[in-house]
Amino acid sequence: MKSRYFKVSEFACKCGCGFGIQPGDVSWELVSVLDDARDHFGQPVFITSGCRCKKHNAAVGGAPSSEHMQGIAADIQLSGTTPAKVHDYLNKKYPDRYGLGLYSSWVHIDTRAGKARW
């Protein structure tokens, strides 16, 4: 994974199992979308949840087939920018693809093959 802004460790599963730190664990396409958001807003992007192993995903109440378990999803917050503004930007930038969810304090973005919104 190469990124202008992110370290591999930022995507690692929070349980400490190591998922998310090996080459190929994290989608390059996802990293590109996050780099784009950082460029657009000019603010740091904080990954609150990146890769999740099956056990950690279950512990946090993730969907049984969560994109986080595939290394293609991140829950993010941007310093100084509301989740609604981030969601709006990503929705306009990628209107016909990806999974995008708006929550009270973060935005979920994933690079699934189809389009999903919530």
PDB file of N, CA and C in Angstrom:
ATOM      1  N   MET A   1       0.845  -1.184   0.000  1.00  0.00           N
ATOM      2  CA  MET A   1       0.000   0.000   0.000  1.00  0.00           C
ATOM      3  C   MET A   1       0.882   1.236   0.000  1.00  0.00           C
ATOM      4  N   LYS A   2       0.605   2.134  -0.910  1.00  0.00           N
ATOM      5  CA  LYS A   2       1.311   3.415  -0.929  1.00  0.00           C
ATOM      6  C   LYS A   2       0.283   4.522  -0.821  1.00  0.00           C
ATOM      7  N   SER A   3       0.565   5.469   0.028  1.00  0.00           N
ATOM      8  CA  SER A   3      -0.338   6.582   0.237  1.00  0.00           C
ATOM      9  C   SER A   3       0.488   7.817   0.548  1.00  0.00           C
ATOM     10  N   ARG A   4      -0.038   8.946   0.142  1.00  0.00           N
ATOM     11  CA  ARG A   4       0.629  10.204   0.481  1.00  0.00           C
ATOM     12  C   ARG A   4       0.416  10.562   1.946  1.00  0.00           C
ATOM     13  N   TYR A   5      -0.625  10.019   2.566  1.00  0.00           N
ATOM     14  CA  TYR A   5      -1.005  10.470   3.908  1.00  0.00           C
ATOM     15  C   TYR A   5      -1.113   9.386   4.968  1.00  0.00           C
ATOM     16  N   PHE A   6      -1.351   8.148   4.576  1.00  0.00           N
ATOM     17  CA  PHE A   6      -1.675   7.106   5.550  1.00  0.00           C
ATOM     18  C   PHE A   6      -0.540   6.116   5.748  1.00  0.00           C
ATOM     19  N   LYS A   7      -0.473   5.611   6.978  1.00  0.00           N
ATOM     20  CA  LYS A   7       0.442   4.535   7.324  1.00  0.00           C
ATOM     21  C   LYS A   7      -0.368   3.241   7.350  1.00  0.00           C
ATOM     22  N   VAL A   8       0.262   2.143   7.041  1.00  0.00           N
ATOM     23  CA  VAL A   8      -0.401   0.849   7.054  1.00  0.00           C
ATOM     24  C   VAL A   8      -1.049   0.598   8.415  1.00  0.00           C
ATOM     25  N   SER A   9      -0.376   0.979   9.482  1.00  0.00           N
ATOM     26  CA  SER A   9      -0.880   0.715  10.831  1.00  0.00           C
ATOM     27  C   SER A   9      -2.243   1.351  11.096  1.00  0.00           C
ATOM     28  N   GLU A  10      -2.604   2.405  10.360  1.00  0.00           N
ATOM     29  CA  GLU A  10      -3.892   3.061  10.565  1.00  0.00           C
ATOM     30  C   GLU A  10      -5.065   2.183  10.123  1.00  0.00           C
ATOM     31  N   PHE A  11      -4.801   1.204   9.275  1.00  0.00           N
ATOM     32  CA  PHE A  11      -5.840   0.313   8.765  1.00  0.00           C
ATOM     33  C   PHE A  11      -5.932  -0.988   9.561  1.00  0.00           C
ATOM     34  N   ALA A  12      -4.980  -1.236  10.466  1.00  0.00           N
ATOM     35  CA  ALA A  12      -4.895  -2.506  11.175  1.00  0.00           C
ATOM     36  C   ALA A  12      -6.117  -2.771  12.047  1.00  0.00           C
ATOM     37  N   CYS A  13      -6.501  -4.039  12.121  1.00  0.00           N
ATOM     38  CA  CYS A  13      -7.602  -4.457  12.977  1.00  0.00           C
ATOM     39  C   CYS A  13      -7.291  -4.043  14.412  1.00  0.00           C
ATOM     40  N   LYS A  14      -8.275  -3.488  15.082  1.00  0.00           N
ATOM     41  CA  LYS A  14      -8.096  -2.955  16.434  1.00  0.00           C
ATOM     42  C   LYS A  14      -7.862  -4.039  17.487  1.00  0.00           C
ATOM     43  N   CYS A  15      -8.136  -5.303  17.152  1.00  0.00           N
ATOM     44  CA  CYS A  15      -7.936  -6.367  18.143  1.00  0.00           C
ATOM     45  C   CYS A  15      -6.463  -6.757  18.279  1.00  0.00           C
ATOM     46  N   GLY A  16      -5.629  -6.298  17.346  1.00  0.00           N
ATOM     47  CA  GLY A  16      -4.208  -6.614  17.412  1.00  0.00           C
ATOM     48  C   GLY A  16      -3.811  -7.898  16.704  1.00  0.00           C
ATOM     49  N   CYS A  17      -4.724  -8.495  15.950  1.00  0.00           N
ATOM     50  CA  CYS A  17      -4.448  -9.765  15.264  1.00  0.00           C
ATOM     51  C   CYS A  17      -3.457  -9.623  14.105  1.00  0.00           C
ATOM     52  N   GLY A  18      -3.272  -8.416  13.612  1.00  0.00           N
ATOM     53  CA  GLY A  18      -2.338  -8.204  12.505  1.00  0.00           C
ATOM     54  C   GLY A  18      -2.992  -8.032  11.149  1.00  0.00           C
ATOM     55  N   PHE A  19      -4.298  -8.293  11.058  1.00  0.00           N
ATOM     56  CA  PHE A  19      -4.971  -8.094   9.774  1.00  0.00           C
ATOM     57  C   PHE A  19      -4.972  -6.600   9.445  1.00  0.00           C
ATOM     58  N   GLY A  20      -4.534  -6.295   8.250  1.00  0.00           N
ATOM     59  CA  GLY A  20      -4.477  -4.913   7.798  1.00  0.00           C
ATOM     60  C   GLY A  20      -3.063  -4.371   7.673  1.00  0.00           C
ATOM     61  N   ILE A  21      -2.076  -5.141   8.132  1.00  0.00           N
ATOM     62  CA  ILE A  21      -0.700  -4.629   8.063  1.00  0.00           C
ATOM     63  C   ILE A  21       0.167  -5.349   7.034  1.00  0.00           C
ATOM     64  N   GLN A  22      -0.367  -6.406   6.444  1.00  0.00           N
ATOM     65  CA  GLN A  22       0.388  -7.149   5.435  1.00  0.00           C
ATOM     66  C   GLN A  22       0.115  -6.581   4.041  1.00  0.00           C
ATOM     67  N   PRO A  23       1.088  -6.668   3.141  1.00  0.00           N
ATOM     68  CA  PRO A  23       0.848  -6.221   1.768  1.00  0.00           C
ATOM     69  C   PRO A  23      -0.379  -6.932   1.189  1.00  0.00           C
ATOM     70  N   GLY A  24      -1.253  -6.178   0.582  1.00  0.00           N
ATOM     71  CA  GLY A  24      -2.449  -6.738  -0.028  1.00  0.00           C
ATOM     72  C   GLY A  24      -3.659  -6.802   0.884  1.00  0.00           C
ATOM     73  N   ASP A  25      -3.489  -6.530   2.184  1.00  0.00           N
ATOM     74  CA  ASP A  25      -4.631  -6.551   3.103  1.00  0.00           C
ATOM     75  C   ASP A  25      -5.616  -5.420   2.820  1.00  0.00           C
ATOM     76  N   VAL A  26      -5.090  -4.278   2.414  1.00  0.00           N
ATOM     77  CA  VAL A  26      -5.921  -3.085   2.202  1.00  0.00           C
ATOM     78  C   VAL A  26      -5.986  -2.764   0.710  1.00  0.00           C
ATOM     79  N   SER A  27      -7.174  -2.490   0.243  1.00  0.00           N
ATOM     80  CA  SER A  27      -7.401  -2.161  -1.162  1.00  0.00           C
ATOM     81  C   SER A  27      -6.729  -0.838  -1.541  1.00  0.00           C
ATOM     82  N   TRP A  28      -5.973  -0.878  -2.629  1.00  0.00           N
ATOM     83  CA  TRP A  28      -5.362   0.349  -3.134  1.00  0.00           C
ATOM     84  C   TRP A  28      -6.436   1.348  -3.551  1.00  0.00           C
ATOM     85  N   GLU A  29      -7.535   0.855  -4.081  1.00  0.00           N
ATOM     86  CA  GLU A  29      -8.626   1.735  -4.500  1.00  0.00           C
ATOM     87  C   GLU A  29      -9.186   2.500  -3.294  1.00  0.00           C
ATOM     88  N   LEU A  30      -9.348   1.829  -2.167  1.00  0.00           N
ATOM     89  CA  LEU A  30      -9.820   2.495  -0.950  1.00  0.00           C
ATOM     90  C   LEU A  30      -8.842   3.581  -0.517  1.00  0.00           C
ATOM     91  N   VAL A  31      -7.571   3.258  -0.518  1.00  0.00           N
ATOM     92  CA  VAL A  31      -6.548   4.237  -0.126  1.00  0.00           C
ATOM     93  C   VAL A  31      -6.598   5.449  -1.049  1.00  0.00           C
ATOM     94  N   SER A  32      -6.807   5.236  -2.335  1.00  0.00           N
ATOM     95  CA  SER A  32      -6.904   6.341  -3.297  1.00  0.00           C
ATOM     96  C   SER A  32      -8.093   7.244  -2.990  1.00  0.00           C
ATOM     97  N   VAL A  33      -9.241   6.642  -2.620  1.00  0.00           N
ATOM     98  CA  VAL A  33     -10.420   7.432  -2.263  1.00  0.00           C
ATOM     99  C   VAL A  33     -10.138   8.273  -1.011  1.00  0.00           C
ATOM    100  N   LEU A  34      -9.469   7.679  -0.035  1.00  0.00           N
ATOM    101  CA  LEU A  34      -9.159   8.413   1.193  1.00  0.00           C
ATOM    102  C   LEU A  34      -8.135   9.520   0.939  1.00  0.00           C
ATOM    103  N   ASP A  35      -7.151   9.242   0.094  1.00  0.00           N
ATOM    104  CA  ASP A  35      -6.204  10.294  -0.292  1.00  0.00           C
ATOM    105  C   ASP A  35      -6.936  11.451  -0.976  1.00  0.00           C
ATOM    106  N   ASP A  36      -7.902  11.119  -1.826  1.00  0.00           N
ATOM    107  CA  ASP A  36      -8.686  12.137  -2.507  1.00  0.00           C
ATOM    108  C   ASP A  36      -9.463  13.000  -1.511  1.00  0.00           C
ATOM    109  N   ALA A  37     -10.074  12.370  -0.510  1.00  0.00           N
ATOM    110  CA  ALA A  37     -10.815  13.133   0.503  1.00  0.00           C
ATOM    111  C   ALA A  37      -9.872  14.062   1.263  1.00  0.00           C
ATOM    112  N   ARG A  38      -8.692  13.576   1.577  1.00  0.00           N
ATOM    113  CA  ARG A  38      -7.697  14.414   2.277  1.00  0.00           C
ATOM    114  C   ARG A  38      -7.306  15.605   1.408  1.00  0.00           C
ATOM    115  N   ASP A  39      -7.070  15.358   0.142  1.00  0.00           N
ATOM    116  CA  ASP A  39      -6.725  16.447  -0.780  1.00  0.00           C
ATOM    117  C   ASP A  39      -7.866  17.456  -0.893  1.00  0.00           C
ATOM    118  N   HIS A  40      -9.080  16.969  -1.058  1.00  0.00           N
ATOM    119  CA  HIS A  40     -10.230  17.848  -1.259  1.00  0.00           C
ATOM    120  C   HIS A  40     -10.476  18.758  -0.055  1.00  0.00           C
ATOM    121  N   PHE A  41     -10.480  18.183   1.129  1.00  0.00           N
ATOM    122  CA  PHE A  41     -10.807  18.972   2.320  1.00  0.00           C
ATOM    123  C   PHE A  41      -9.606  19.671   2.936  1.00  0.00           C
ATOM    124  N   GLY A  42      -8.411  19.232   2.589  1.00  0.00           N
ATOM    125  CA  GLY A  42      -7.217  19.848   3.171  1.00  0.00           C
ATOM    126  C   GLY A  42      -7.118  19.632   4.670  1.00  0.00           C
ATOM    127  N   GLN A  43      -7.708  18.530   5.136  1.00  0.00           N
ATOM    128  CA  GLN A  43      -7.727  18.203   6.564  1.00  0.00           C
ATOM    129  C   GLN A  43      -7.340  16.740   6.744  1.00  0.00           C
ATOM    130  N   PRO A  44      -6.736  16.411   7.874  1.00  0.00           N
ATOM    131  CA  PRO A  44      -6.413  15.008   8.133  1.00  0.00           C
ATOM    132  C   PRO A  44      -7.659  14.129   8.155  1.00  0.00           C
ATOM    133  N   VAL A  45      -7.519  12.930   7.638  1.00  0.00           N
ATOM    134  CA  VAL A  45      -8.571  11.924   7.666  1.00  0.00           C
ATOM    135  C   VAL A  45      -8.170  10.896   8.725  1.00  0.00           C
ATOM    136  N   PHE A  46      -9.040  10.694   9.705  1.00  0.00           N
ATOM    137  CA  PHE A  46      -8.782   9.720  10.757  1.00  0.00           C
ATOM    138  C   PHE A  46      -9.590   8.461  10.491  1.00  0.00           C
ATOM    139  N   ILE A  47      -8.902   7.338  10.452  1.00  0.00           N
ATOM    140  CA  ILE A  47      -9.556   6.053  10.233  1.00  0.00           C
ATOM    141  C   ILE A  47      -9.935   5.501  11.597  1.00  0.00           C
ATOM    142  N   THR A  48     -11.215   5.524  11.891  1.00  0.00           N
ATOM    143  CA  THR A  48     -11.676   5.011  13.185  1.00  0.00           C
ATOM    144  C   THR A  48     -11.860   3.497  13.157  1.00  0.00           C
ATOM    145  N   SER A  49     -12.088   2.938  11.974  1.00  0.00           N
ATOM    146  CA  SER A  49     -12.164   1.491  11.804  1.00  0.00           C
ATOM    147  C   SER A  49     -11.777   1.158  10.372  1.00  0.00           C
ATOM    148  N   GLY A  50     -10.759   0.351  10.228  1.00  0.00           N
ATOM    149  CA  GLY A  50     -10.306  -0.078   8.907  1.00  0.00           C
ATOM    150  C   GLY A  50     -10.577  -1.567   8.740  1.00  0.00           C
ATOM    151  N   CYS A  51      -9.517  -2.334   8.676  1.00  0.00           N
ATOM    152  CA  CYS A  51      -9.659  -3.781   8.544  1.00  0.00           C
ATOM    153  C   CYS A  51     -10.183  -4.375   9.846  1.00  0.00           C
ATOM    154  N   ARG A  52     -10.999  -5.406   9.705  1.00  0.00           N
ATOM    155  CA  ARG A  52     -11.514  -6.138  10.861  1.00  0.00           C
ATOM    156  C   ARG A  52     -11.441  -7.634  10.572  1.00  0.00           C
ATOM    157  N   CYS A  53     -10.892  -8.373  11.520  1.00  0.00           N
ATOM    158  CA  CYS A  53     -10.967  -9.826  11.421  1.00  0.00           C
ATOM    159  C   CYS A  53     -12.398 -10.236  11.780  1.00  0.00           C
ATOM    160  N   LYS A  54     -12.744 -11.470  11.514  1.00  0.00           N
ATOM    161  CA  LYS A  54     -14.107 -11.944  11.764  1.00  0.00           C
ATOM    162  C   LYS A  54     -14.495 -11.778  13.237  1.00  0.00           C
ATOM    163  N   LYS A  55     -13.595 -12.094  14.136  1.00  0.00           N
ATOM    164  CA  LYS A  55     -13.878 -12.001  15.572  1.00  0.00           C
ATOM    165  C   LYS A  55     -14.122 -10.555  16.003  1.00  0.00           C
ATOM    166  N   HIS A  56     -13.265  -9.646  15.570  1.00  0.00           N
ATOM    167  CA  HIS A  56     -13.426  -8.237  15.950  1.00  0.00           C
ATOM    168  C   HIS A  56     -14.676  -7.642  15.309  1.00  0.00           C
ATOM    169  N   ASN A  57     -14.939  -8.022  14.071  1.00  0.00           N
ATOM    170  CA  ASN A  57     -16.134  -7.530  13.395  1.00  0.00           C
ATOM    171  C   ASN A  57     -17.388  -7.912  14.173  1.00  0.00           C
ATOM    172  N   ALA A  58     -17.443  -9.148  14.638  1.00  0.00           N
ATOM    173  CA  ALA A  58     -18.591  -9.605  15.435  1.00  0.00           C
ATOM    174  C   ALA A  58     -18.660  -8.838  16.755  1.00  0.00           C
ATOM    175  N   ALA A  59     -17.513  -8.592  17.370  1.00  0.00           N
ATOM    176  CA  ALA A  59     -17.479  -7.899  18.662  1.00  0.00           C
ATOM    177  C   ALA A  59     -17.998  -6.467  18.574  1.00  0.00           C
ATOM    178  N   VAL A  60     -17.804  -5.834  17.433  1.00  0.00           N
ATOM    179  CA  VAL A  60     -18.260  -4.438  17.277  1.00  0.00           C
ATOM    180  C   VAL A  60     -19.623  -4.348  16.610  1.00  0.00           C
ATOM    181  N   GLY A  61     -20.240  -5.489  16.363  1.00  0.00           N
ATOM    182  CA  GLY A  61     -21.575  -5.497  15.765  1.00  0.00           C
ATOM    183  C   GLY A  61     -21.591  -5.250  14.274  1.00  0.00           C
ATOM    184  N   GLY A  62     -20.488  -5.554  13.583  1.00  0.00           N
ATOM    185  CA  GLY A  62     -20.420  -5.372  12.136  1.00  0.00           C
ATOM    186  C   GLY A  62     -21.293  -6.366  11.393  1.00  0.00           C
ATOM    187  N   ALA A  63     -21.647  -6.019  10.180  1.00  0.00           N
ATOM    188  CA  ALA A  63     -22.444  -6.920   9.338  1.00  0.00           C
ATOM    189  C   ALA A  63     -21.670  -8.225   9.120  1.00  0.00           C
ATOM    190  N   PRO A  64     -22.352  -9.353   9.084  1.00  0.00           N
ATOM    191  CA  PRO A  64     -21.670 -10.646   8.922  1.00  0.00           C
ATOM    192  C   PRO A  64     -20.766 -10.730   7.693  1.00  0.00           C
ATOM    193  N   SER A  65     -21.088 -10.015   6.634  1.00  0.00           N
ATOM    194  CA  SER A  65     -20.236 -10.010   5.439  1.00  0.00           C
ATOM    195  C   SER A  65     -19.630  -8.619   5.211  1.00  0.00           C
ATOM    196  N   SER A  66     -19.277  -7.951   6.279  1.00  0.00           N
ATOM    197  CA  SER A  66     -18.758  -6.585   6.232  1.00  0.00           C
ATOM    198  C   SER A  66     -17.575  -6.432   5.280  1.00  0.00           C
ATOM    199  N   GLU A  67     -17.583  -5.341   4.557  1.00  0.00           N
ATOM    200  CA  GLU A  67     -16.469  -5.018   3.665  1.00  0.00           C
ATOM    201  C   GLU A  67     -15.189  -4.748   4.457  1.00  0.00           C
ATOM    202  N   HIS A  68     -15.316  -4.407   5.730  1.00  0.00           N
ATOM    203  CA  HIS A  68     -14.130  -4.223   6.580  1.00  0.00           C
ATOM    204  C   HIS A  68     -13.311  -5.516   6.636  1.00  0.00           C
ATOM    205  N   MET A  69     -13.978  -6.664   6.595  1.00  0.00           N
ATOM    206  CA  MET A  69     -13.286  -7.959   6.661  1.00  0.00           C
ATOM    207  C   MET A  69     -12.564  -8.291   5.359  1.00  0.00           C
ATOM    208  N   GLN A  70     -12.847  -7.532   4.307  1.00  0.00           N
ATOM    209  CA  GLN A  70     -12.190  -7.737   3.013  1.00  0.00           C
ATOM    210  C   GLN A  70     -11.088  -6.709   2.758  1.00  0.00           C
ATOM    211  N   GLY A  71     -10.918  -5.761   3.680  1.00  0.00           N
ATOM    212  CA  GLY A  71      -9.897  -4.728   3.497  1.00  0.00           C
ATOM    213  C   GLY A  71     -10.286  -3.678   2.476  1.00  0.00           C
ATOM    214  N   ILE A  72     -11.610  -3.522   2.258  1.00  0.00           N
ATOM    215  CA  ILE A  72     -12.059  -2.539   1.264  1.00  0.00           C
ATOM    216  C   ILE A  72     -12.944  -1.459   1.886  1.00  0.00           C
ATOM    217  N   ALA A  73     -12.908  -1.321   3.229  1.00  0.00           N
ATOM    218  CA  ALA A  73     -13.783  -0.355   3.902  1.00  0.00           C
ATOM    219  C   ALA A  73     -13.047   0.391   5.004  1.00  0.00           C
ATOM    220  N   ALA A  74     -13.511   1.610   5.245  1.00  0.00           N
ATOM    221  CA  ALA A  74     -13.000   2.396   6.363  1.00  0.00           C
ATOM    222  C   ALA A  74     -14.114   3.285   6.893  1.00  0.00           C
ATOM    223  N   ASP A  75     -14.142   3.436   8.199  1.00  0.00           N
ATOM    224  CA  ASP A  75     -14.985   4.432   8.845  1.00  0.00           C
ATOM    225  C   ASP A  75     -14.053   5.594   9.149  1.00  0.00           C
ATOM    226  N   ILE A  76     -14.462   6.796   8.735  1.00  0.00           N
ATOM    227  CA  ILE A  76     -13.544   7.933   8.812  1.00  0.00           C
ATOM    228  C   ILE A  76     -14.186   9.156   9.461  1.00  0.00           C
ATOM    229  N   GLN A  77     -13.321   9.997   9.995  1.00  0.00           N
ATOM    230  CA  GLN A  77     -13.682  11.318  10.483  1.00  0.00           C
ATOM    231  C   GLN A  77     -12.646  12.277   9.925  1.00  0.00           C
ATOM    232  N   LEU A  78     -13.082  13.488   9.605  1.00  0.00           N
ATOM    233  CA  LEU A  78     -12.156  14.515   9.147  1.00  0.00           C
ATOM    234  C   LEU A  78     -12.146  15.653  10.142  1.00  0.00           C
ATOM    235  N   SER A  79     -10.974  16.071  10.480  1.00  0.00           N
ATOM    236  CA  SER A  79     -10.805  17.169  11.416  1.00  0.00           C
ATOM    237  C   SER A  79     -11.418  18.439  10.841  1.00  0.00           C
ATOM    238  N   GLY A  80     -12.322  19.066  11.594  1.00  0.00           N
ATOM    239  CA  GLY A  80     -12.895  20.336  11.173  1.00  0.00           C
ATOM    240  C   GLY A  80     -13.958  20.240  10.088  1.00  0.00           C
ATOM    241  N   THR A  81     -14.422  19.028   9.764  1.00  0.00           N
ATOM    242  CA  THR A  81     -15.427  18.840   8.713  1.00  0.00           C
ATOM    243  C   THR A  81     -16.511  17.899   9.233  1.00  0.00           C
ATOM    244  N   THR A  82     -17.759  18.251   9.025  1.00  0.00           N
ATOM    245  CA  THR A  82     -18.852  17.399   9.510  1.00  0.00           C
ATOM    246  C   THR A  82     -18.969  16.134   8.667  1.00  0.00           C
ATOM    247  N   PRO A  83     -19.443  15.058   9.282  1.00  0.00           N
ATOM    248  CA  PRO A  83     -19.679  13.838   8.501  1.00  0.00           C
ATOM    249  C   PRO A  83     -20.616  14.088   7.315  1.00  0.00           C
ATOM    250  N   ALA A  84     -21.598  14.955   7.487  1.00  0.00           N
ATOM    251  CA  ALA A  84     -22.535  15.237   6.386  1.00  0.00           C
ATOM    252  C   ALA A  84     -21.808  15.834   5.183  1.00  0.00           C
ATOM    253  N   LYS A  85     -20.856  16.721   5.419  1.00  0.00           N
ATOM    254  CA  LYS A  85     -20.099  17.327   4.307  1.00  0.00           C
ATOM    255  C   LYS A  85     -19.213  16.294   3.618  1.00  0.00           C
ATOM    256  N   VAL A  86     -18.617  15.421   4.402  1.00  0.00           N
ATOM    257  CA  VAL A  86     -17.771  14.364   3.831  1.00  0.00           C
ATOM    258  C   VAL A  86     -18.629  13.418   2.988  1.00  0.00           C
ATOM    259  N   HIS A  87     -19.755  13.000   3.542  1.00  0.00           N
ATOM    260  CA  HIS A  87     -20.675  12.104   2.835  1.00  0.00           C
ATOM    261  C   HIS A  87     -21.147  12.757   1.533  1.00  0.00           C
ATOM    262  N   ASP A  88     -21.532  14.012   1.595  1.00  0.00           N
ATOM    263  CA  ASP A  88     -22.012  14.729   0.414  1.00  0.00           C
ATOM    264  C   ASP A  88     -20.937  14.780  -0.670  1.00  0.00           C
ATOM    265  N   TYR A  89     -19.712  15.085  -0.282  1.00  0.00           N
ATOM    266  CA  TYR A  89     -18.624  15.150  -1.257  1.00  0.00           C
ATOM    267  C   TYR A  89     -18.403  13.791  -1.919  1.00  0.00           C
ATOM    268  N   LEU A  90     -18.276  12.748  -1.093  1.00  0.00           N
ATOM    269  CA  LEU A  90     -18.014  11.417  -1.647  1.00  0.00           C
ATOM    270  C   LEU A  90     -19.171  10.939  -2.517  1.00  0.00           C
ATOM    271  N   ASN A  91     -20.388  11.252  -2.125  1.00  0.00           N
ATOM    272  CA  ASN A  91     -21.562  10.865  -2.917  1.00  0.00           C
ATOM    273  C   ASN A  91     -21.566  11.556  -4.277  1.00  0.00           C
ATOM    274  N   LYS A  92     -21.184  12.816  -4.301  1.00  0.00           N
ATOM    275  CA  LYS A  92     -21.122  13.548  -5.578  1.00  0.00           C
ATOM    276  C   LYS A  92     -19.935  13.107  -6.425  1.00  0.00           C
ATOM    277  N   LYS A  93     -18.820  12.815  -5.789  1.00  0.00           N
ATOM    278  CA  LYS A  93     -17.611  12.413  -6.517  1.00  0.00           C
ATOM    279  C   LYS A  93     -17.761  11.009  -7.113  1.00  0.00           C
ATOM    280  N   TYR A  94     -18.440  10.129  -6.388  1.00  0.00           N
ATOM    281  CA  TYR A  94     -18.601   8.736  -6.810  1.00  0.00           C
ATOM    282  C   TYR A  94     -20.089   8.378  -6.820  1.00  0.00           C
ATOM    283  N   PRO A  95     -20.889   8.997  -7.679  1.00  0.00           N
ATOM    284  CA  PRO A  95     -22.347   8.844  -7.617  1.00  0.00           C
ATOM    285  C   PRO A  95     -22.872   7.453  -7.968  1.00  0.00           C
ATOM    286  N   ASP A  96     -22.123   6.701  -8.725  1.00  0.00           N
ATOM    287  CA  ASP A  96     -22.635   5.423  -9.215  1.00  0.00           C
ATOM    288  C   ASP A  96     -21.852   4.218  -8.728  1.00  0.00           C
ATOM    289  N   ARG A  97     -21.054   4.406  -7.689  1.00  0.00           N
ATOM    290  CA  ARG A  97     -20.278   3.273  -7.182  1.00  0.00           C
ATOM    291  C   ARG A  97     -19.956   3.444  -5.703  1.00  0.00           C
ATOM    292  N   TYR A  98     -19.497   2.376  -5.129  1.00  0.00           N
ATOM    293  CA  TYR A  98     -19.045   2.304  -3.743  1.00  0.00           C
ATOM    294  C   TYR A  98     -20.181   2.259  -2.730  1.00  0.00           C
ATOM    295  N   GLY A  99     -19.839   1.853  -1.537  1.00  0.00           N
ATOM    296  CA  GLY A  99     -20.752   1.871  -0.410  1.00  0.00           C
ATOM    297  C   GLY A  99     -20.450   3.097   0.432  1.00  0.00           C
ATOM    298  N   LEU A 100     -21.492   3.802   0.811  1.00  0.00           N
ATOM    299  CA  LEU A 100     -21.315   5.056   1.539  1.00  0.00           C
ATOM    300  C   LEU A 100     -22.409   5.188   2.586  1.00  0.00           C
ATOM    301  N   GLY A 101     -21.999   5.324   3.839  1.00  0.00           N
ATOM    302  CA  GLY A 101     -22.953   5.443   4.926  1.00  0.00           C
ATOM    303  C   GLY A 101     -22.661   6.651   5.791  1.00  0.00           C
ATOM    304  N   LEU A 102     -23.708   7.349   6.178  1.00  0.00           N
ATOM    305  CA  LEU A 102     -23.574   8.536   7.032  1.00  0.00           C
ATOM    306  C   LEU A 102     -24.025   8.189   8.443  1.00  0.00           C
ATOM    307  N   TYR A 103     -23.178   8.462   9.415  1.00  0.00           N
ATOM    308  CA  TYR A 103     -23.467   8.255  10.821  1.00  0.00           C
ATOM    309  C   TYR A 103     -23.268   9.579  11.559  1.00  0.00           C
ATOM    310  N   SER A 104     -23.664   9.625  12.802  1.00  0.00           N
ATOM    311  CA  SER A 104     -23.619  10.899  13.536  1.00  0.00           C
ATOM    312  C   SER A 104     -22.211  11.466  13.698  1.00  0.00           C
ATOM    313  N   SER A 105     -21.206  10.602  13.803  1.00  0.00           N
ATOM    314  CA  SER A 105     -19.862  11.131  14.013  1.00  0.00           C
ATOM    315  C   SER A 105     -18.809  10.591  13.042  1.00  0.00           C
ATOM    316  N   TRP A 106     -19.236   9.818  12.053  1.00  0.00           N
ATOM    317  CA  TRP A 106     -18.290   9.324  11.061  1.00  0.00           C
ATOM    318  C   TRP A 106     -19.010   8.988   9.761  1.00  0.00           C
ATOM    319  N   VAL A 107     -18.187   8.670   8.755  1.00  0.00           N
ATOM    320  CA  VAL A 107     -18.678   8.230   7.448  1.00  0.00           C
ATOM    321  C   VAL A 107     -18.038   6.888   7.135  1.00  0.00           C
ATOM    322  N   HIS A 108     -18.836   5.975   6.641  1.00  0.00           N
ATOM    323  CA  HIS A 108     -18.337   4.695   6.153  1.00  0.00           C
ATOM    324  C   HIS A 108     -18.161   4.821   4.644  1.00  0.00           C
ATOM    325  N   ILE A 109     -17.006   4.379   4.149  1.00  0.00           N
ATOM    326  CA  ILE A 109     -16.763   4.310   2.713  1.00  0.00           C
ATOM    327  C   ILE A 109     -16.161   2.945   2.404  1.00  0.00           C
ATOM    328  N   ASP A 110     -16.692   2.297   1.379  1.00  0.00           N
ATOM    329  CA  ASP A 110     -16.086   1.046   0.930  1.00  0.00           C
ATOM    330  C   ASP A 110     -16.094   1.013  -0.590  1.00  0.00           C
ATOM    331  N   THR A 111     -15.192   0.221  -1.122  1.00  0.00           N
ATOM    332  CA  THR A 111     -15.004   0.172  -2.572  1.00  0.00           C
ATOM    333  C   THR A 111     -15.573  -1.113  -3.167  1.00  0.00           C
ATOM    334  N   ARG A 112     -16.766  -1.492  -2.686  1.00  0.00           N
ATOM    335  CA  ARG A 112     -17.471  -2.654  -3.255  1.00  0.00           C
ATOM    336  C   ARG A 112     -17.714  -2.434  -4.739  1.00  0.00           C
ATOM    337  N   ALA A 113     -18.016  -3.503  -5.437  1.00  0.00           N
ATOM    338  CA  ALA A 113     -18.227  -3.438  -6.889  1.00  0.00           C
ATOM    339  C   ALA A 113     -19.451  -2.616  -7.272  1.00  0.00           C
ATOM    340  N   GLY A 114     -20.506  -2.675  -6.501  1.00  0.00           N
ATOM    341  CA  GLY A 114     -21.734  -1.942  -6.825  1.00  0.00           C
ATOM    342  C   GLY A 114     -21.876  -0.685  -6.001  1.00  0.00           C
ATOM    343  N   LYS A 115     -23.083  -0.143  -6.025  1.00  0.00           N
ATOM    344  CA  LYS A 115     -23.404   1.073  -5.287  1.00  0.00           C
ATOM    345  C   LYS A 115     -24.334   0.737  -4.129  1.00  0.00           C
ATOM    346  N   ALA A 116     -24.072   1.321  -2.966  1.00  0.00           N
ATOM    347  CA  ALA A 116     -24.961   1.195  -1.814  1.00  0.00           C
ATOM    348  C   ALA A 116     -24.890   2.504  -1.036  1.00  0.00           C
ATOM    349  N   ARG A 117     -26.042   2.924  -0.527  1.00  0.00           N
ATOM    350  CA  ARG A 117     -26.103   4.152   0.283  1.00  0.00           C
ATOM    351  C   ARG A 117     -26.975   3.922   1.499  1.00  0.00           C
ATOM    352  N   TRP A 118     -26.577   4.482   2.609  1.00  0.00           N
ATOM    353  CA  TRP A 118     -27.376   4.468   3.815  1.00  0.00           C
ATOM    354  C   TRP A 118     -26.988   5.618   4.716  1.00  0.00           C
TER     355      TRP A 118
END
